[in-house]
């Protein structure tokens, strides 16, 4: 999580998860996580392995099960000075 002594920038974005509906029903939640990481890495110009997703975001996607994901999600992106990026709910 973010500590007070690290400098960071914060942004709010909305990510469409409609592309996850094209994958099989059993992989929709997994594909949604990949779509979120792709969108955030493109937006912040950071590497995918340096992106950390909060458990509450994961629980929101998996809330109605693996097959019934939300169509879009609003996220707060915090990019830290050391290059890591955190994804949390606003």
C-alpha atoms as a PDB file:
ATOM      1  CA  UNK A   1       0.000   0.000   0.000  1.00  0.00           C
ATOM      2  CA  UNK A   2       0.973   3.631  -0.266  1.00  0.00           C
ATOM      3  CA  UNK A   3       3.058   5.084   2.507  1.00  0.00           C
ATOM      4  CA  UNK A   4       2.998   8.788   3.256  1.00  0.00           C
ATOM      5  CA  UNK A   5       6.695   9.381   2.598  1.00  0.00           C
ATOM      6  CA  UNK A   6       6.644   8.185  -1.041  1.00  0.00           C
ATOM      7  CA  UNK A   7       5.810  10.689  -3.767  1.00  0.00           C
ATOM      8  CA  UNK A   8       3.035   9.576  -6.068  1.00  0.00           C
ATOM      9  CA  UNK A   9       0.587  10.705  -8.706  1.00  0.00           C
ATOM     10  CA  UNK A  10      -3.083   9.763  -8.654  1.00  0.00           C
ATOM     11  CA  UNK A  11      -5.488   9.404 -11.578  1.00  0.00           C
ATOM     12  CA  UNK A  12      -9.071   8.221 -11.928  1.00  0.00           C
ATOM     13  CA  UNK A  13      -9.970   6.157 -14.994  1.00  0.00           C
ATOM     14  CA  UNK A  14     -12.835   3.979 -16.139  1.00  0.00           C
ATOM     15  CA  UNK A  15     -11.920   0.705 -17.817  1.00  0.00           C
ATOM     16  CA  UNK A  16     -14.373  -1.080 -20.085  1.00  0.00           C
ATOM     17  CA  UNK A  17     -14.479  -4.832 -19.501  1.00  0.00           C
ATOM     18  CA  UNK A  18     -16.679  -5.617 -22.503  1.00  0.00           C
ATOM     19  CA  UNK A  19     -13.765  -7.326 -24.222  1.00  0.00           C
ATOM     20  CA  UNK A  20     -13.767 -10.010 -21.541  1.00  0.00           C
ATOM     21  CA  UNK A  21     -17.185 -11.138 -22.777  1.00  0.00           C
ATOM     22  CA  UNK A  22     -15.493 -12.393 -25.950  1.00  0.00           C
ATOM     23  CA  UNK A  23     -13.555 -14.986 -23.963  1.00  0.00           C
ATOM     24  CA  UNK A  24     -15.104 -18.206 -22.732  1.00  0.00           C
ATOM     25  CA  UNK A  25     -17.508 -18.008 -19.812  1.00  0.00           C
ATOM     26  CA  UNK A  26     -15.098 -19.787 -17.488  1.00  0.00           C
ATOM     27  CA  UNK A  27     -12.269 -17.313 -18.118  1.00  0.00           C
ATOM     28  CA  UNK A  28     -14.090 -13.979 -18.015  1.00  0.00           C
ATOM     29  CA  UNK A  29     -12.862 -12.847 -14.598  1.00  0.00           C
ATOM     30  CA  UNK A  30      -9.283 -13.822 -15.442  1.00  0.00           C
ATOM     31  CA  UNK A  31      -9.512 -11.961 -18.741  1.00  0.00           C
ATOM     32  CA  UNK A  32     -10.953  -8.903 -16.959  1.00  0.00           C
ATOM     33  CA  UNK A  33      -7.875  -8.725 -14.707  1.00  0.00           C
ATOM     34  CA  UNK A  34      -5.660  -8.914 -17.801  1.00  0.00           C
ATOM     35  CA  UNK A  35      -7.660  -6.146 -19.498  1.00  0.00           C
ATOM     36  CA  UNK A  36      -7.263  -3.934 -16.422  1.00  0.00           C
ATOM     37  CA  UNK A  37      -3.503  -4.511 -16.312  1.00  0.00           C
ATOM     38  CA  UNK A  38      -3.205  -3.819 -20.053  1.00  0.00           C
ATOM     39  CA  UNK A  39      -5.180  -0.570 -19.793  1.00  0.00           C
ATOM     40  CA  UNK A  40      -3.249   0.670 -16.768  1.00  0.00           C
ATOM     41  CA  UNK A  41       0.140  -0.218 -18.237  1.00  0.00           C
ATOM     42  CA  UNK A  42      -0.751   1.634 -21.438  1.00  0.00           C
ATOM     43  CA  UNK A  43      -2.099   4.639 -19.521  1.00  0.00           C
ATOM     44  CA  UNK A  44       0.817   4.953 -17.081  1.00  0.00           C
ATOM     45  CA  UNK A  45       3.545   3.596 -19.388  1.00  0.00           C
ATOM     46  CA  UNK A  46       4.611   1.065 -16.763  1.00  0.00           C
ATOM     47  CA  UNK A  47       5.402  -2.624 -16.986  1.00  0.00           C
ATOM     48  CA  UNK A  48       2.705  -5.191 -16.230  1.00  0.00           C
ATOM     49  CA  UNK A  49       4.805  -6.924 -13.587  1.00  0.00           C
ATOM     50  CA  UNK A  50       5.102  -3.630 -11.669  1.00  0.00           C
ATOM     51  CA  UNK A  51       1.303  -3.277 -11.310  1.00  0.00           C
ATOM     52  CA  UNK A  52      -0.339  -4.177  -7.992  1.00  0.00           C
ATOM     53  CA  UNK A  53      -4.113  -4.731  -7.837  1.00  0.00           C
ATOM     54  CA  UNK A  54      -5.895  -4.217  -4.523  1.00  0.00           C
ATOM     55  CA  UNK A  55      -7.949  -7.114  -3.130  1.00  0.00           C
ATOM     56  CA  UNK A  56     -11.126  -5.007  -3.160  1.00  0.00           C
ATOM     57  CA  UNK A  57     -10.850  -4.535  -6.928  1.00  0.00           C
ATOM     58  CA  UNK A  58     -10.411  -8.273  -7.321  1.00  0.00           C
ATOM     59  CA  UNK A  59     -13.412  -8.955  -5.055  1.00  0.00           C
ATOM     60  CA  UNK A  60     -15.556  -6.530  -7.075  1.00  0.00           C
ATOM     61  CA  UNK A  61     -14.763  -8.392 -10.287  1.00  0.00           C
ATOM     62  CA  UNK A  62     -15.336 -11.817  -8.733  1.00  0.00           C
ATOM     63  CA  UNK A  63     -18.401 -10.682  -6.713  1.00  0.00           C
ATOM     64  CA  UNK A  64     -21.009 -12.333  -8.959  1.00  0.00           C
ATOM     65  CA  UNK A  65     -18.792 -15.231  -9.918  1.00  0.00           C
ATOM     66  CA  UNK A  66     -16.352 -16.024 -12.650  1.00  0.00           C
ATOM     67  CA  UNK A  67     -18.872 -15.778 -15.509  1.00  0.00           C
ATOM     68  CA  UNK A  68     -20.837 -12.596 -14.652  1.00  0.00           C
ATOM     69  CA  UNK A  69     -18.354  -9.757 -14.482  1.00  0.00           C
ATOM     70  CA  UNK A  70     -19.218  -6.028 -14.506  1.00  0.00           C
ATOM     71  CA  UNK A  71     -19.147  -4.287 -17.892  1.00  0.00           C
ATOM     72  CA  UNK A  72     -16.965  -1.405 -16.701  1.00  0.00           C
ATOM     73  CA  UNK A  73     -15.101  -0.420 -13.571  1.00  0.00           C
ATOM     74  CA  UNK A  74     -13.819   2.890 -12.187  1.00  0.00           C
ATOM     75  CA  UNK A  75     -10.319   2.742 -10.758  1.00  0.00           C
ATOM     76  CA  UNK A  76      -7.906   4.985  -8.926  1.00  0.00           C
ATOM     77  CA  UNK A  77      -4.354   4.592 -10.190  1.00  0.00           C
ATOM     78  CA  UNK A  78      -1.476   5.567  -7.949  1.00  0.00           C
ATOM     79  CA  UNK A  79       1.924   5.628  -9.618  1.00  0.00           C
ATOM     80  CA  UNK A  80       4.747   5.643  -7.101  1.00  0.00           C
ATOM     81  CA  UNK A  81       8.168   7.143  -7.553  1.00  0.00           C
ATOM     82  CA  UNK A  82       9.930   3.751  -7.557  1.00  0.00           C
ATOM     83  CA  UNK A  83       7.998   2.659 -10.670  1.00  0.00           C
ATOM     84  CA  UNK A  84       5.288   0.522  -9.116  1.00  0.00           C
ATOM     85  CA  UNK A  85       1.646   1.238  -9.861  1.00  0.00           C
ATOM     86  CA  UNK A  86      -1.240   0.503  -7.503  1.00  0.00           C
ATOM     87  CA  UNK A  87      -4.843   0.004  -8.597  1.00  0.00           C
ATOM     88  CA  UNK A  88      -7.502   0.672  -5.977  1.00  0.00           C
ATOM     89  CA  UNK A  89     -11.170   1.616  -5.896  1.00  0.00           C
ATOM     90  CA  UNK A  90     -11.908   5.357  -5.754  1.00  0.00           C
END
